[in-house]
N, C-alpha and C. Protein backbone atom coordinates (compact mmCIF):
# COMPACT_ATOMS: atom_id res chain seq x y z
N MET A 1 -29.33 -1.22 4.05
CA MET A 1 -28.65 -1.47 2.79
C MET A 1 -29.25 -2.69 2.14
N GLN A 2 -29.30 -2.67 0.82
CA GLN A 2 -29.83 -3.79 0.06
C GLN A 2 -28.70 -4.41 -0.74
N GLN A 3 -28.82 -5.70 -0.97
CA GLN A 3 -27.87 -6.38 -1.84
C GLN A 3 -28.43 -6.37 -3.26
N THR A 4 -27.61 -6.00 -4.22
CA THR A 4 -27.99 -6.07 -5.63
C THR A 4 -26.88 -6.82 -6.35
N GLY A 5 -27.12 -8.09 -6.64
CA GLY A 5 -26.08 -8.90 -7.24
C GLY A 5 -24.96 -9.08 -6.23
N SER A 6 -23.73 -8.80 -6.63
CA SER A 6 -22.58 -8.94 -5.73
C SER A 6 -22.24 -7.64 -5.03
N HIS A 7 -23.01 -6.57 -5.27
CA HIS A 7 -22.72 -5.28 -4.69
C HIS A 7 -23.75 -4.90 -3.64
N THR A 8 -23.32 -4.14 -2.66
CA THR A 8 -24.22 -3.62 -1.65
C THR A 8 -24.67 -2.24 -2.09
N PHE A 9 -25.98 -2.01 -2.05
CA PHE A 9 -26.54 -0.72 -2.43
C PHE A 9 -26.81 0.07 -1.16
N SER A 10 -26.25 1.25 -1.08
CA SER A 10 -26.49 2.14 0.04
C SER A 10 -27.15 3.41 -0.46
N PRO A 11 -28.33 3.73 0.04
CA PRO A 11 -28.98 4.97 -0.39
C PRO A 11 -28.13 6.21 -0.11
N LEU A 12 -27.32 6.20 0.95
CA LEU A 12 -26.49 7.35 1.27
C LEU A 12 -25.46 7.64 0.19
N MET A 13 -24.99 6.60 -0.47
CA MET A 13 -23.90 6.76 -1.43
C MET A 13 -24.38 6.64 -2.87
N HIS A 14 -25.66 6.45 -3.08
CA HIS A 14 -26.19 6.26 -4.43
C HIS A 14 -26.26 7.59 -5.17
N GLY A 15 -25.81 7.56 -6.42
CA GLY A 15 -25.88 8.75 -7.26
C GLY A 15 -25.42 8.39 -8.66
N GLU A 16 -25.49 9.37 -9.53
CA GLU A 16 -25.06 9.17 -10.91
C GLU A 16 -23.54 9.27 -11.00
N ALA A 17 -22.95 8.35 -11.72
CA ALA A 17 -21.51 8.40 -11.95
C ALA A 17 -21.21 9.54 -12.93
N VAL A 18 -20.09 10.21 -12.69
CA VAL A 18 -19.64 11.26 -13.61
C VAL A 18 -18.28 10.84 -14.18
N SER A 19 -17.96 11.38 -15.32
CA SER A 19 -16.71 11.02 -15.99
C SER A 19 -15.55 11.87 -15.46
N LEU A 20 -14.35 11.40 -15.71
CA LEU A 20 -13.17 12.17 -15.36
C LEU A 20 -13.17 13.51 -16.09
N THR A 21 -13.63 13.50 -17.33
CA THR A 21 -13.73 14.76 -18.10
C THR A 21 -14.65 15.74 -17.41
N ASP A 22 -15.79 15.25 -16.90
CA ASP A 22 -16.73 16.12 -16.17
C ASP A 22 -16.07 16.71 -14.91
N VAL A 23 -15.33 15.87 -14.19
CA VAL A 23 -14.66 16.32 -12.97
C VAL A 23 -13.61 17.38 -13.30
N LEU A 24 -12.83 17.14 -14.34
CA LEU A 24 -11.79 18.10 -14.72
C LEU A 24 -12.40 19.42 -15.21
N THR A 25 -13.51 19.33 -15.94
CA THR A 25 -14.20 20.54 -16.39
C THR A 25 -14.73 21.33 -15.19
N ALA A 26 -15.31 20.62 -14.22
CA ALA A 26 -15.81 21.28 -13.01
C ALA A 26 -14.68 21.96 -12.26
N ARG A 27 -13.52 21.31 -12.19
CA ARG A 27 -12.36 21.89 -11.51
C ARG A 27 -11.93 23.18 -12.21
N GLU A 28 -11.91 23.17 -13.54
CA GLU A 28 -11.55 24.38 -14.30
C GLU A 28 -12.55 25.50 -14.05
N GLN A 29 -13.83 25.15 -14.04
CA GLN A 29 -14.86 26.16 -13.81
C GLN A 29 -14.76 26.74 -12.39
N ARG A 30 -14.45 25.87 -11.41
CA ARG A 30 -14.28 26.35 -10.04
C ARG A 30 -13.09 27.31 -9.98
N ALA A 31 -12.00 26.97 -10.65
CA ALA A 31 -10.83 27.86 -10.67
C ALA A 31 -11.18 29.21 -11.29
N MET A 32 -12.01 29.21 -12.32
CA MET A 32 -12.44 30.48 -12.93
C MET A 32 -13.30 31.29 -11.97
N ARG A 33 -14.20 30.61 -11.23
CA ARG A 33 -15.02 31.32 -10.24
C ARG A 33 -14.15 31.88 -9.12
N GLN A 34 -13.15 31.10 -8.69
CA GLN A 34 -12.23 31.59 -7.66
C GLN A 34 -11.49 32.83 -8.15
N GLN A 35 -10.98 32.75 -9.37
CA GLN A 35 -10.24 33.89 -9.94
C GLN A 35 -11.13 35.11 -10.08
N ALA A 36 -12.38 34.90 -10.47
CA ALA A 36 -13.31 36.03 -10.59
C ALA A 36 -13.52 36.71 -9.23
N LEU A 37 -13.64 35.93 -8.17
CA LEU A 37 -13.80 36.51 -6.84
C LEU A 37 -12.53 37.26 -6.41
N LEU A 38 -11.37 36.66 -6.69
CA LEU A 38 -10.10 37.32 -6.35
C LEU A 38 -9.99 38.66 -7.08
N THR A 39 -10.35 38.67 -8.36
CA THR A 39 -10.27 39.88 -9.17
C THR A 39 -11.27 40.94 -8.67
N ARG A 40 -12.44 40.50 -8.32
CA ARG A 40 -13.49 41.43 -7.90
C ARG A 40 -13.22 42.03 -6.52
N PHE A 41 -12.78 41.19 -5.57
CA PHE A 41 -12.69 41.66 -4.19
C PHE A 41 -11.27 41.90 -3.68
N HIS A 42 -10.26 41.35 -4.33
CA HIS A 42 -8.87 41.49 -3.89
C HIS A 42 -8.69 41.03 -2.44
N GLN A 43 -9.41 39.97 -2.10
CA GLN A 43 -9.35 39.39 -0.76
C GLN A 43 -9.25 37.87 -0.92
N PRO A 44 -8.80 37.17 0.13
CA PRO A 44 -8.70 35.72 0.04
C PRO A 44 -10.05 35.06 -0.26
N VAL A 45 -9.95 33.91 -0.93
CA VAL A 45 -11.13 33.12 -1.25
C VAL A 45 -11.03 31.79 -0.51
N LEU A 46 -12.10 31.45 0.17
CA LEU A 46 -12.24 30.17 0.85
C LEU A 46 -13.07 29.28 -0.06
N SER A 47 -12.51 28.13 -0.42
CA SER A 47 -13.16 27.22 -1.37
C SER A 47 -13.41 25.90 -0.67
N LEU A 48 -14.62 25.39 -0.76
CA LEU A 48 -15.00 24.15 -0.09
C LEU A 48 -15.48 23.12 -1.11
N THR A 49 -14.87 21.95 -1.06
CA THR A 49 -15.35 20.77 -1.79
C THR A 49 -15.33 19.61 -0.81
N LEU A 50 -15.75 18.46 -1.26
CA LEU A 50 -15.76 17.27 -0.42
C LEU A 50 -14.79 16.22 -0.93
N VAL A 51 -14.39 15.34 -0.05
CA VAL A 51 -13.59 14.17 -0.42
C VAL A 51 -14.58 13.12 -0.93
N THR A 52 -14.56 12.87 -2.24
CA THR A 52 -15.53 11.96 -2.87
C THR A 52 -14.82 11.01 -3.83
N PRO A 53 -14.13 10.01 -3.31
CA PRO A 53 -13.44 9.10 -4.22
C PRO A 53 -14.43 8.32 -5.08
N GLY A 54 -14.01 8.02 -6.29
CA GLY A 54 -14.86 7.25 -7.19
C GLY A 54 -15.69 8.12 -8.10
N PRO A 55 -16.53 7.48 -8.92
CA PRO A 55 -17.28 8.22 -9.94
C PRO A 55 -18.54 8.91 -9.43
N VAL A 56 -19.03 8.57 -8.24
CA VAL A 56 -20.24 9.21 -7.70
C VAL A 56 -19.79 10.36 -6.80
N LYS A 57 -20.18 11.57 -7.18
CA LYS A 57 -19.76 12.77 -6.45
C LYS A 57 -20.93 13.48 -5.77
N ASP A 58 -22.15 13.08 -6.11
CA ASP A 58 -23.35 13.72 -5.56
C ASP A 58 -24.31 12.63 -5.11
N SER A 59 -24.59 12.60 -3.83
CA SER A 59 -25.53 11.63 -3.26
C SER A 59 -26.19 12.30 -2.06
N ILE A 60 -27.20 11.66 -1.52
CA ILE A 60 -27.87 12.23 -0.34
C ILE A 60 -26.89 12.30 0.82
N GLY A 61 -26.01 11.32 0.94
CA GLY A 61 -25.01 11.34 2.01
C GLY A 61 -24.05 12.51 1.84
N TYR A 62 -23.55 12.69 0.62
CA TYR A 62 -22.63 13.81 0.38
C TYR A 62 -23.33 15.15 0.59
N ARG A 63 -24.61 15.22 0.27
CA ARG A 63 -25.35 16.47 0.51
C ARG A 63 -25.47 16.78 2.00
N HIS A 64 -25.66 15.73 2.82
CA HIS A 64 -25.67 15.93 4.28
C HIS A 64 -24.31 16.43 4.77
N VAL A 65 -23.24 15.82 4.25
CA VAL A 65 -21.88 16.22 4.65
C VAL A 65 -21.63 17.67 4.25
N MET A 66 -22.05 18.04 3.05
CA MET A 66 -21.85 19.42 2.59
C MET A 66 -22.68 20.40 3.42
N ALA A 67 -23.91 20.04 3.73
CA ALA A 67 -24.76 20.93 4.53
C ALA A 67 -24.11 21.22 5.88
N GLU A 68 -23.52 20.20 6.49
CA GLU A 68 -22.85 20.40 7.77
C GLU A 68 -21.59 21.26 7.59
N ALA A 69 -20.85 21.03 6.51
CA ALA A 69 -19.65 21.83 6.24
C ALA A 69 -20.02 23.30 6.02
N LEU A 70 -21.10 23.54 5.29
CA LEU A 70 -21.55 24.91 5.07
C LEU A 70 -21.96 25.57 6.39
N ARG A 71 -22.69 24.84 7.20
CA ARG A 71 -23.13 25.37 8.50
C ARG A 71 -21.92 25.72 9.36
N GLU A 72 -20.97 24.80 9.44
CA GLU A 72 -19.78 25.04 10.25
C GLU A 72 -18.91 26.17 9.69
N GLY A 73 -18.79 26.20 8.36
CA GLY A 73 -18.01 27.28 7.73
C GLY A 73 -18.64 28.64 7.99
N ASP A 74 -19.94 28.73 7.79
CA ASP A 74 -20.64 30.00 8.04
C ASP A 74 -20.51 30.41 9.50
N GLN A 75 -20.69 29.45 10.42
CA GLN A 75 -20.58 29.78 11.85
C GLN A 75 -19.17 30.24 12.21
N LEU A 76 -18.16 29.60 11.64
CA LEU A 76 -16.79 30.00 11.90
C LEU A 76 -16.58 31.46 11.49
N LEU A 77 -16.99 31.81 10.29
CA LEU A 77 -16.82 33.17 9.80
C LEU A 77 -17.58 34.16 10.66
N TRP A 78 -18.79 33.80 11.06
CA TRP A 78 -19.62 34.67 11.90
C TRP A 78 -19.00 34.84 13.29
N ARG A 79 -18.59 33.70 13.91
CA ARG A 79 -18.00 33.76 15.26
C ARG A 79 -16.75 34.62 15.29
N ARG A 80 -15.95 34.53 14.23
CA ARG A 80 -14.70 35.30 14.18
C ARG A 80 -14.95 36.77 13.80
N GLY A 81 -16.15 37.06 13.35
CA GLY A 81 -16.48 38.43 12.97
C GLY A 81 -15.83 38.87 11.67
N TRP A 82 -15.52 37.91 10.83
CA TRP A 82 -14.88 38.24 9.55
C TRP A 82 -15.93 38.63 8.53
N LYS A 83 -15.65 39.67 7.80
CA LYS A 83 -16.60 40.16 6.81
C LYS A 83 -16.59 39.25 5.58
N VAL A 84 -17.77 38.73 5.25
CA VAL A 84 -17.94 37.89 4.06
C VAL A 84 -18.43 38.80 2.94
N LEU A 85 -17.62 38.91 1.90
CA LEU A 85 -17.94 39.79 0.78
C LEU A 85 -18.79 39.10 -0.27
N SER A 86 -18.68 37.78 -0.32
CA SER A 86 -19.45 37.00 -1.29
C SER A 86 -19.52 35.57 -0.79
N ARG A 87 -20.64 34.90 -1.08
CA ARG A 87 -20.82 33.49 -0.74
C ARG A 87 -21.58 32.84 -1.87
N GLU A 88 -21.03 31.76 -2.41
CA GLU A 88 -21.68 31.01 -3.48
C GLU A 88 -21.71 29.54 -3.09
N VAL A 89 -22.81 28.87 -3.39
CA VAL A 89 -22.90 27.42 -3.22
C VAL A 89 -23.41 26.85 -4.53
N HIS A 90 -22.74 25.80 -4.99
CA HIS A 90 -23.11 25.14 -6.25
C HIS A 90 -23.32 23.66 -5.97
N TRP A 91 -24.53 23.18 -6.25
CA TRP A 91 -24.87 21.76 -6.08
C TRP A 91 -24.77 21.12 -7.46
N LEU A 92 -23.65 20.46 -7.72
CA LEU A 92 -23.34 19.95 -9.05
C LEU A 92 -23.29 18.42 -9.06
N ASP A 93 -23.49 17.83 -10.24
CA ASP A 93 -23.33 16.39 -10.38
C ASP A 93 -21.91 15.95 -10.04
N THR A 94 -20.96 16.85 -10.24
CA THR A 94 -19.55 16.57 -9.98
C THR A 94 -19.18 16.83 -8.51
N GLY A 95 -20.17 17.10 -7.70
CA GLY A 95 -19.97 17.32 -6.27
C GLY A 95 -20.28 18.75 -5.88
N PRO A 96 -20.76 18.94 -4.66
CA PRO A 96 -21.08 20.29 -4.21
C PRO A 96 -19.82 21.11 -3.99
N GLU A 97 -19.95 22.41 -4.19
CA GLU A 97 -18.83 23.35 -4.03
C GLU A 97 -19.37 24.62 -3.39
N ALA A 98 -18.52 25.28 -2.63
CA ALA A 98 -18.87 26.59 -2.08
C ALA A 98 -17.65 27.49 -2.12
N LEU A 99 -17.90 28.77 -2.28
CA LEU A 99 -16.84 29.78 -2.30
C LEU A 99 -17.27 30.97 -1.45
N TRP A 100 -16.34 31.46 -0.65
CA TRP A 100 -16.54 32.68 0.10
C TRP A 100 -15.38 33.62 -0.21
N ALA A 101 -15.63 34.88 -0.40
CA ALA A 101 -14.58 35.90 -0.41
C ALA A 101 -14.63 36.52 0.98
N VAL A 102 -13.48 36.52 1.67
CA VAL A 102 -13.46 36.89 3.09
C VAL A 102 -12.42 37.98 3.31
N GLU A 103 -12.83 39.01 4.03
CA GLU A 103 -11.93 40.11 4.37
C GLU A 103 -11.14 39.72 5.63
N GLN A 104 -10.02 39.04 5.40
CA GLN A 104 -9.14 38.59 6.49
C GLN A 104 -7.86 38.08 5.87
N GLU A 105 -6.79 38.01 6.65
CA GLU A 105 -5.53 37.47 6.14
C GLU A 105 -5.69 35.99 5.82
N ALA A 106 -5.14 35.59 4.68
CA ALA A 106 -5.28 34.20 4.22
C ALA A 106 -4.73 33.20 5.23
N GLN A 107 -3.59 33.48 5.84
CA GLN A 107 -2.98 32.54 6.79
C GLN A 107 -3.89 32.34 8.01
N ILE A 108 -4.55 33.39 8.43
CA ILE A 108 -5.45 33.29 9.59
C ILE A 108 -6.66 32.43 9.22
N ILE A 109 -7.20 32.65 8.02
CA ILE A 109 -8.33 31.83 7.57
C ILE A 109 -7.91 30.37 7.48
N LYS A 110 -6.74 30.11 6.90
CA LYS A 110 -6.27 28.74 6.73
C LYS A 110 -6.14 28.04 8.07
N ALA A 111 -5.54 28.71 9.05
CA ALA A 111 -5.39 28.11 10.38
C ALA A 111 -6.76 27.75 10.97
N ALA A 112 -7.74 28.62 10.78
CA ALA A 112 -9.07 28.38 11.34
C ALA A 112 -9.77 27.21 10.66
N VAL A 113 -9.65 27.11 9.33
CA VAL A 113 -10.35 26.01 8.65
C VAL A 113 -9.64 24.67 8.85
N VAL A 114 -8.32 24.70 9.03
CA VAL A 114 -7.61 23.46 9.37
C VAL A 114 -8.10 22.95 10.71
N GLU A 115 -8.24 23.86 11.65
CA GLU A 115 -8.77 23.49 12.98
C GLU A 115 -10.18 22.91 12.85
N LEU A 116 -10.97 23.50 11.99
CA LEU A 116 -12.33 23.01 11.75
C LEU A 116 -12.30 21.60 11.14
N GLU A 117 -11.49 21.42 10.10
CA GLU A 117 -11.38 20.10 9.47
C GLU A 117 -10.90 19.04 10.46
N ASP A 118 -9.92 19.40 11.27
CA ASP A 118 -9.32 18.43 12.19
C ASP A 118 -10.18 18.18 13.43
N GLY A 119 -11.08 19.10 13.75
CA GLY A 119 -11.83 18.98 14.99
C GLY A 119 -13.26 18.47 14.87
N HIS A 120 -13.75 18.32 13.67
CA HIS A 120 -15.15 17.91 13.48
C HIS A 120 -15.20 16.44 13.03
N PRO A 121 -16.19 15.68 13.50
CA PRO A 121 -16.28 14.28 13.09
C PRO A 121 -16.38 14.06 11.58
N LEU A 122 -16.93 15.02 10.86
CA LEU A 122 -17.01 14.91 9.39
C LEU A 122 -15.90 15.70 8.69
N GLY A 123 -15.07 16.37 9.45
CA GLY A 123 -14.07 17.27 8.88
C GLY A 123 -13.10 16.61 7.92
N ARG A 124 -12.86 15.32 8.10
CA ARG A 124 -11.93 14.64 7.19
C ARG A 124 -12.52 14.52 5.79
N LEU A 125 -13.84 14.69 5.67
CA LEU A 125 -14.51 14.62 4.37
C LEU A 125 -14.62 15.99 3.72
N TRP A 126 -14.20 17.05 4.42
CA TRP A 126 -14.26 18.40 3.90
C TRP A 126 -12.89 18.79 3.36
N ASP A 127 -12.89 19.56 2.30
CA ASP A 127 -11.64 20.09 1.77
C ASP A 127 -11.79 21.61 1.63
N PHE A 128 -11.41 22.30 2.70
CA PHE A 128 -11.41 23.76 2.70
C PHE A 128 -10.06 24.22 2.17
N ASP A 129 -10.07 24.88 1.03
CA ASP A 129 -8.86 25.48 0.48
C ASP A 129 -8.94 26.98 0.65
N VAL A 130 -7.78 27.60 0.86
CA VAL A 130 -7.70 29.05 0.96
C VAL A 130 -6.76 29.54 -0.13
N ILE A 131 -7.26 30.47 -0.92
CA ILE A 131 -6.46 31.08 -1.97
C ILE A 131 -6.19 32.52 -1.54
N ALA A 132 -4.91 32.85 -1.39
CA ALA A 132 -4.54 34.21 -0.98
C ALA A 132 -4.94 35.21 -2.06
N SER A 133 -5.03 36.47 -1.69
CA SER A 133 -5.43 37.49 -2.65
C SER A 133 -4.46 37.57 -3.83
N SER A 134 -3.24 37.07 -3.66
CA SER A 134 -2.26 37.02 -4.75
C SER A 134 -2.57 35.90 -5.75
N GLY A 135 -3.52 35.02 -5.38
CA GLY A 135 -3.86 33.89 -6.24
C GLY A 135 -3.17 32.60 -5.86
N GLU A 136 -2.30 32.65 -4.85
CA GLU A 136 -1.57 31.46 -4.41
C GLU A 136 -2.39 30.66 -3.40
N PRO A 137 -2.56 29.37 -3.65
CA PRO A 137 -3.24 28.53 -2.65
C PRO A 137 -2.31 28.28 -1.46
N LEU A 138 -2.88 28.20 -0.27
CA LEU A 138 -2.11 27.92 0.95
C LEU A 138 -2.25 26.45 1.30
N SER A 139 -1.13 25.79 1.50
CA SER A 139 -1.17 24.37 1.87
C SER A 139 -1.24 24.23 3.39
N ARG A 140 -1.69 23.09 3.84
CA ARG A 140 -1.69 22.79 5.27
C ARG A 140 -0.27 22.85 5.81
N GLU A 141 0.66 22.25 5.07
CA GLU A 141 2.04 22.17 5.52
C GLU A 141 2.66 23.56 5.67
N ALA A 142 2.41 24.43 4.70
CA ALA A 142 2.97 25.78 4.75
C ALA A 142 2.41 26.57 5.94
N SER A 143 1.22 26.21 6.38
CA SER A 143 0.64 26.90 7.53
C SER A 143 1.00 26.21 8.84
N GLY A 144 1.87 25.18 8.76
CA GLY A 144 2.32 24.51 9.98
C GLY A 144 1.40 23.42 10.48
N ALA A 145 0.37 23.09 9.70
CA ALA A 145 -0.58 22.06 10.11
C ALA A 145 -0.08 20.69 9.65
N PRO A 146 -0.49 19.65 10.34
CA PRO A 146 -0.09 18.31 9.92
C PRO A 146 -0.76 17.93 8.60
N VAL A 147 -0.12 17.05 7.86
CA VAL A 147 -0.71 16.57 6.61
C VAL A 147 -1.98 15.79 6.92
N ARG A 148 -2.87 15.72 5.94
CA ARG A 148 -4.11 14.97 6.13
C ARG A 148 -3.80 13.49 6.13
N LYS A 149 -4.50 12.78 6.98
CA LYS A 149 -4.33 11.34 7.12
C LYS A 149 -5.30 10.60 6.22
N CYS A 150 -4.91 9.41 5.83
CA CYS A 150 -5.76 8.53 5.05
C CYS A 150 -7.03 8.22 5.85
N LEU A 151 -8.12 8.05 5.15
CA LEU A 151 -9.39 7.72 5.80
C LEU A 151 -9.35 6.36 6.49
N ILE A 152 -8.47 5.49 6.05
CA ILE A 152 -8.47 4.12 6.54
C ILE A 152 -7.29 3.81 7.45
N CYS A 153 -6.06 4.12 7.02
CA CYS A 153 -4.89 3.61 7.75
C CYS A 153 -4.10 4.69 8.50
N GLN A 154 -4.49 5.93 8.40
CA GLN A 154 -3.85 7.03 9.12
C GLN A 154 -2.46 7.40 8.59
N GLN A 155 -2.04 6.83 7.47
CA GLN A 155 -0.82 7.28 6.80
C GLN A 155 -1.15 8.59 6.08
N PRO A 156 -0.14 9.34 5.64
CA PRO A 156 -0.46 10.54 4.86
C PRO A 156 -1.34 10.19 3.66
N SER A 157 -2.43 10.93 3.50
CA SER A 157 -3.42 10.58 2.46
C SER A 157 -2.82 10.62 1.06
N ARG A 158 -1.88 11.53 0.82
CA ARG A 158 -1.27 11.60 -0.52
C ARG A 158 -0.58 10.31 -0.89
N LEU A 159 0.10 9.70 0.09
CA LEU A 159 0.82 8.45 -0.19
C LEU A 159 -0.15 7.33 -0.55
N CYS A 160 -1.20 7.18 0.24
CA CYS A 160 -2.17 6.12 -0.03
C CYS A 160 -2.91 6.38 -1.34
N GLY A 161 -3.26 7.62 -1.59
CA GLY A 161 -3.97 7.96 -2.82
C GLY A 161 -3.14 7.70 -4.05
N ARG A 162 -1.89 8.12 -4.00
CA ARG A 162 -1.00 7.95 -5.14
C ARG A 162 -0.74 6.48 -5.43
N SER A 163 -0.56 5.68 -4.38
CA SER A 163 -0.25 4.25 -4.57
C SER A 163 -1.51 3.39 -4.69
N ARG A 164 -2.67 4.02 -4.55
CA ARG A 164 -3.94 3.28 -4.56
C ARG A 164 -3.92 2.13 -3.55
N GLN A 165 -3.46 2.49 -2.37
CA GLN A 165 -3.30 1.53 -1.26
C GLN A 165 -4.62 0.85 -0.89
N HIS A 166 -5.72 1.57 -1.02
CA HIS A 166 -7.02 1.05 -0.60
C HIS A 166 -7.98 1.04 -1.79
N SER A 167 -8.83 0.06 -1.82
CA SER A 167 -9.79 -0.05 -2.93
C SER A 167 -10.90 0.99 -2.77
N LEU A 168 -11.57 1.27 -3.87
CA LEU A 168 -12.70 2.19 -3.83
C LEU A 168 -13.78 1.70 -2.86
N PRO A 169 -14.16 0.41 -2.89
CA PRO A 169 -15.16 -0.04 -1.90
C PRO A 169 -14.72 0.16 -0.45
N GLU A 170 -13.43 -0.01 -0.15
CA GLU A 170 -12.95 0.24 1.21
C GLU A 170 -13.14 1.71 1.58
N LEU A 171 -12.78 2.59 0.66
CA LEU A 171 -12.89 4.03 0.92
C LEU A 171 -14.35 4.46 1.09
N THR A 172 -15.20 4.03 0.17
CA THR A 172 -16.61 4.46 0.26
C THR A 172 -17.29 3.84 1.47
N THR A 173 -16.90 2.64 1.86
CA THR A 173 -17.46 2.03 3.07
C THR A 173 -17.08 2.85 4.29
N GLN A 174 -15.83 3.29 4.36
CA GLN A 174 -15.38 4.13 5.49
C GLN A 174 -16.11 5.47 5.50
N ILE A 175 -16.27 6.06 4.34
CA ILE A 175 -17.00 7.34 4.26
C ILE A 175 -18.44 7.15 4.71
N GLU A 176 -19.06 6.08 4.26
CA GLU A 176 -20.44 5.83 4.68
C GLU A 176 -20.54 5.60 6.19
N LYS A 177 -19.58 4.91 6.78
CA LYS A 177 -19.57 4.72 8.23
C LYS A 177 -19.52 6.06 8.95
N MET A 178 -18.68 6.96 8.44
CA MET A 178 -18.58 8.29 9.04
C MET A 178 -19.91 9.03 8.93
N MET A 179 -20.55 8.93 7.76
CA MET A 179 -21.84 9.59 7.55
C MET A 179 -22.89 9.03 8.50
N ARG A 180 -22.98 7.70 8.55
CA ARG A 180 -23.99 7.05 9.42
C ARG A 180 -23.77 7.39 10.88
N SER A 181 -22.52 7.40 11.31
CA SER A 181 -22.22 7.76 12.69
C SER A 181 -22.68 9.18 12.99
N TRP A 182 -22.42 10.09 12.05
CA TRP A 182 -22.82 11.49 12.24
C TRP A 182 -24.35 11.62 12.26
N LEU A 183 -25.01 10.96 11.34
CA LEU A 183 -26.47 11.08 11.26
C LEU A 183 -27.17 10.44 12.45
N ALA A 184 -26.53 9.45 13.08
CA ALA A 184 -27.13 8.73 14.21
C ALA A 184 -26.78 9.37 15.56
N ARG A 185 -26.10 10.49 15.57
CA ARG A 185 -25.59 11.08 16.81
C ARG A 185 -26.67 11.53 17.78
N ASP A 186 -27.85 11.84 17.28
CA ASP A 186 -28.90 12.37 18.18
C ASP A 186 -29.69 11.29 18.84
């Protein structure tokens, strides 16, 4: 890492800042892609994004995290023998996204991806959502899974996020530590 003025520059976290408008537009476009898959296949849709607090949503570090999430997601679907009807990956300035249409019950998919998120060293940085064929998203809580914990203090992440309990530098430093630990594992 290099020091630039009063800030630390990390190549893993370096990227172009995007606006809130860009993020909201990307979210709308993702919802339209999800709906198109639901309409086309009448099967649950598995949607993957990353936890990327702050204005930088695309960096070399986030791309490594997404590549691992894609690998693990694909392996999960293959190991379970679930038929994948469609798979899309989008590498966007607003953050990478992936969508799968999967021939399986939504609750079963949700349970499997929660296990994946909770069991992998990078899983806390992954956000696997499952949208039932009816169009209803399945929550962790509704599937009996524990709520997601904060990256820093282990309280429910919604509480810390809503109250802005932790600063952006604290959050990105923790994310970078997780990335570095994963990349240094070999």
